[in-house]
Amino acid sequence: MSTSSEDTPSTTVPSDADGAPEGPGSESPAASAAGEAFLSGRSTRPRSGLFGPETFSVTGLLFLATTLLSTQLVRIFNQQTLTGAEGSLTYEVQGELTGAGLFSALAVVCAAVALLRADPGTRAWARHLAAATVLVGVVLVVLTVLSYVLLTGA
């Protein structure tokens, strides 16, 4: 049998500031609202609105997805480094690299804004998504710059 305070039921009656015991219906309105918010899964704090950290982190992810799915950045970089193919910086390749660099940079900026606007009330998934977007976006910006350097130096 355990005798720790966590395992034994409390026999004290909670009281208010005057010392009078509280009854079952004598909750304060703030405690009642907080309890209802907890049970319904809502936050007790007001959200920051439309342009909050969650919005900026999802926007950064969309810019990053555009870079990864729509451009040939990875193919161009792999052609120059892995296969050693000699390429030239044609207008098409230059346009693809410019688009990849632009969208990667916008993803990093949006995710950085989300991290700067984050506060203790920000959802954890938004902070994690923004941090991951910044990391992957910076890698893609570096790939874009290296691709430019490899193509112009070839």
Protein backbone atom coordinates (compact mmCIF):
# COMPACT_ATOMS: atom_id res chain seq x y z
CA MET A 1 0.00 0.00 0.00
CA SER A 2 1.38 3.36 -1.05
CA THR A 3 1.17 6.36 1.24
CA SER A 4 2.39 9.05 -1.15
CA SER A 5 0.31 12.18 -1.51
CA GLU A 6 -0.51 11.34 -5.13
CA ASP A 7 -2.16 8.03 -4.19
CA THR A 8 -4.16 9.13 -1.17
CA PRO A 9 -7.37 11.13 -1.57
CA SER A 10 -7.40 14.65 -0.24
CA THR A 11 -9.65 15.23 2.76
CA THR A 12 -9.40 19.02 2.81
CA VAL A 13 -12.27 21.14 1.60
CA PRO A 14 -11.28 23.94 -0.78
CA SER A 15 -12.15 27.40 0.45
CA ASP A 16 -12.28 30.84 -1.05
CA ALA A 17 -10.32 33.88 0.12
CA ASP A 18 -12.69 34.46 3.10
CA GLY A 19 -12.08 30.98 4.46
CA ALA A 20 -15.61 29.77 3.75
CA PRO A 21 -15.77 26.39 2.05
CA GLU A 22 -16.78 26.42 -1.60
CA GLY A 23 -19.88 24.54 -2.59
CA PRO A 24 -20.38 22.61 -5.81
CA GLY A 25 -22.06 25.54 -7.57
CA SER A 26 -19.82 28.34 -6.31
CA GLU A 27 -17.18 28.34 -9.09
CA SER A 28 -15.89 31.66 -10.31
CA PRO A 29 -16.95 32.66 -13.84
CA ALA A 30 -13.32 32.64 -15.06
CA ALA A 31 -12.77 29.10 -13.81
CA SER A 32 -16.03 27.99 -15.40
CA ALA A 33 -15.08 29.49 -18.77
CA ALA A 34 -11.61 27.94 -18.60
CA GLY A 35 -13.12 24.56 -17.76
CA GLU A 36 -15.55 24.74 -20.67
CA ALA A 37 -12.76 25.79 -23.03
CA PHE A 38 -10.63 22.87 -21.88
CA LEU A 39 -13.44 20.37 -22.33
CA SER A 40 -14.29 21.65 -25.80
CA GLY A 41 -10.62 21.75 -26.90
CA ARG A 42 -10.52 25.50 -27.34
CA SER A 43 -7.81 27.83 -26.14
CA THR A 44 -8.72 30.32 -23.42
CA ARG A 45 -6.66 33.00 -25.15
CA PRO A 46 -7.83 34.86 -28.22
CA ARG A 47 -6.06 33.86 -31.44
CA SER A 48 -3.97 36.33 -33.39
CA GLY A 49 -6.33 36.39 -36.35
CA LEU A 50 -5.96 35.75 -40.05
CA PHE A 51 -2.28 36.67 -40.30
CA GLY A 52 -1.09 34.56 -37.39
CA PRO A 53 1.89 32.21 -37.21
CA GLU A 54 -0.21 29.28 -38.41
CA THR A 55 -1.08 31.08 -41.63
CA PHE A 56 2.51 32.02 -42.36
CA SER A 57 3.82 28.52 -41.67
CA VAL A 58 1.29 26.93 -44.05
CA THR A 59 2.07 29.59 -46.67
CA GLY A 60 5.77 28.79 -46.38
CA LEU A 61 4.99 25.10 -46.84
CA LEU A 62 3.00 25.87 -50.00
CA PHE A 63 5.89 27.87 -51.45
CA LEU A 64 8.25 25.04 -50.58
CA ALA A 65 5.96 22.45 -52.18
CA THR A 66 5.83 24.58 -55.32
CA THR A 67 9.62 24.57 -55.44
CA LEU A 68 9.93 20.85 -54.91
CA LEU A 69 7.15 19.76 -57.25
CA SER A 70 7.24 22.29 -60.09
CA THR A 71 10.87 22.99 -60.86
CA GLN A 72 13.81 20.97 -62.05
CA LEU A 73 16.20 22.26 -59.40
CA VAL A 74 17.20 18.85 -58.08
CA ARG A 75 17.61 17.45 -61.61
CA ILE A 76 19.80 20.36 -62.70
CA PHE A 77 21.95 20.13 -59.59
CA ASN A 78 22.32 16.35 -59.90
CA GLN A 79 23.26 16.66 -63.56
CA GLN A 80 26.11 18.96 -62.67
CA THR A 81 27.42 17.14 -59.60
CA LEU A 82 26.62 13.43 -59.85
CA THR A 83 26.84 12.75 -63.56
CA GLY A 84 29.34 15.47 -64.38
CA ALA A 85 27.40 16.45 -67.48
CA GLU A 86 28.45 19.69 -69.05
CA GLY A 87 25.54 22.04 -69.35
CA SER A 88 25.01 25.60 -70.28
CA LEU A 89 22.92 28.29 -68.68
CA THR A 90 20.18 28.59 -71.30
CA TYR A 91 17.16 30.82 -70.82
CA GLU A 92 15.01 27.84 -69.86
CA VAL A 93 17.44 26.62 -67.21
CA GLN A 94 17.97 30.16 -65.96
CA GLY A 95 14.20 30.61 -65.64
CA GLU A 96 13.82 27.34 -63.73
CA LEU A 97 16.63 28.23 -61.35
CA THR A 98 15.27 31.74 -60.83
CA GLY A 99 11.80 30.38 -60.06
CA ALA A 100 13.20 27.79 -57.67
CA GLY A 101 15.33 30.36 -55.88
CA LEU A 102 12.47 32.85 -55.65
CA PHE A 103 9.94 30.38 -54.26
CA SER A 104 12.52 28.90 -51.86
CA ALA A 105 13.38 32.36 -50.57
CA LEU A 106 9.68 33.22 -50.15
CA ALA A 107 9.17 29.98 -48.23
CA VAL A 108 12.03 30.86 -45.89
CA VAL A 109 10.71 34.40 -45.37
CA CYS A 110 7.15 33.23 -44.62
CA ALA A 111 8.34 30.55 -42.21
CA ALA A 112 10.69 33.00 -40.49
CA VAL A 113 7.80 35.45 -40.04
CA ALA A 114 5.77 32.61 -38.52
CA LEU A 115 8.56 31.87 -36.07
CA LEU A 116 8.93 35.54 -35.17
CA ARG A 117 5.19 35.96 -34.58
CA ALA A 118 4.94 32.78 -32.50
CA ASP A 119 4.06 33.12 -28.85
CA PRO A 120 3.24 30.60 -26.11
CA GLY A 121 -0.31 30.34 -27.47
CA THR A 122 0.85 29.27 -30.94
CA ARG A 123 0.07 25.71 -31.81
CA ALA A 124 3.07 23.40 -31.70
CA TRP A 125 2.53 22.07 -35.23
CA ALA A 126 2.85 25.59 -36.63
CA ARG A 127 6.20 26.15 -34.92
CA HIS A 128 7.52 22.76 -36.05
CA LEU A 129 6.29 23.27 -39.61
CA ALA A 130 7.85 26.72 -39.80
CA ALA A 131 11.19 25.49 -38.47
CA ALA A 132 11.27 22.59 -40.95
CA THR A 133 10.32 24.93 -43.80
CA VAL A 134 13.16 27.28 -42.91
CA LEU A 135 15.68 24.44 -42.86
CA VAL A 136 14.60 22.84 -46.14
CA GLY A 137 14.13 26.23 -47.80
CA VAL A 138 17.67 27.30 -46.93
CA VAL A 139 19.00 24.04 -48.41
CA LEU A 140 17.07 24.71 -51.63
CA VAL A 141 18.36 28.29 -51.84
CA VAL A 142 21.91 26.95 -51.46
CA LEU A 143 21.23 24.36 -54.19
CA THR A 144 20.00 27.12 -56.48
CA VAL A 145 23.08 29.26 -55.92
CA LEU A 146 25.40 26.28 -56.39
CA SER A 147 23.62 25.34 -59.60
CA TYR A 148 24.10 28.86 -60.95
CA VAL A 149 27.78 28.76 -60.02
CA LEU A 150 28.30 25.33 -61.56
CA LEU A 151 26.53 26.27 -64.79
CA THR A 152 28.26 29.61 -65.26
CA GLY A 153 31.67 28.20 -64.38
CA ALA A 154 31.31 25.20 -66.72
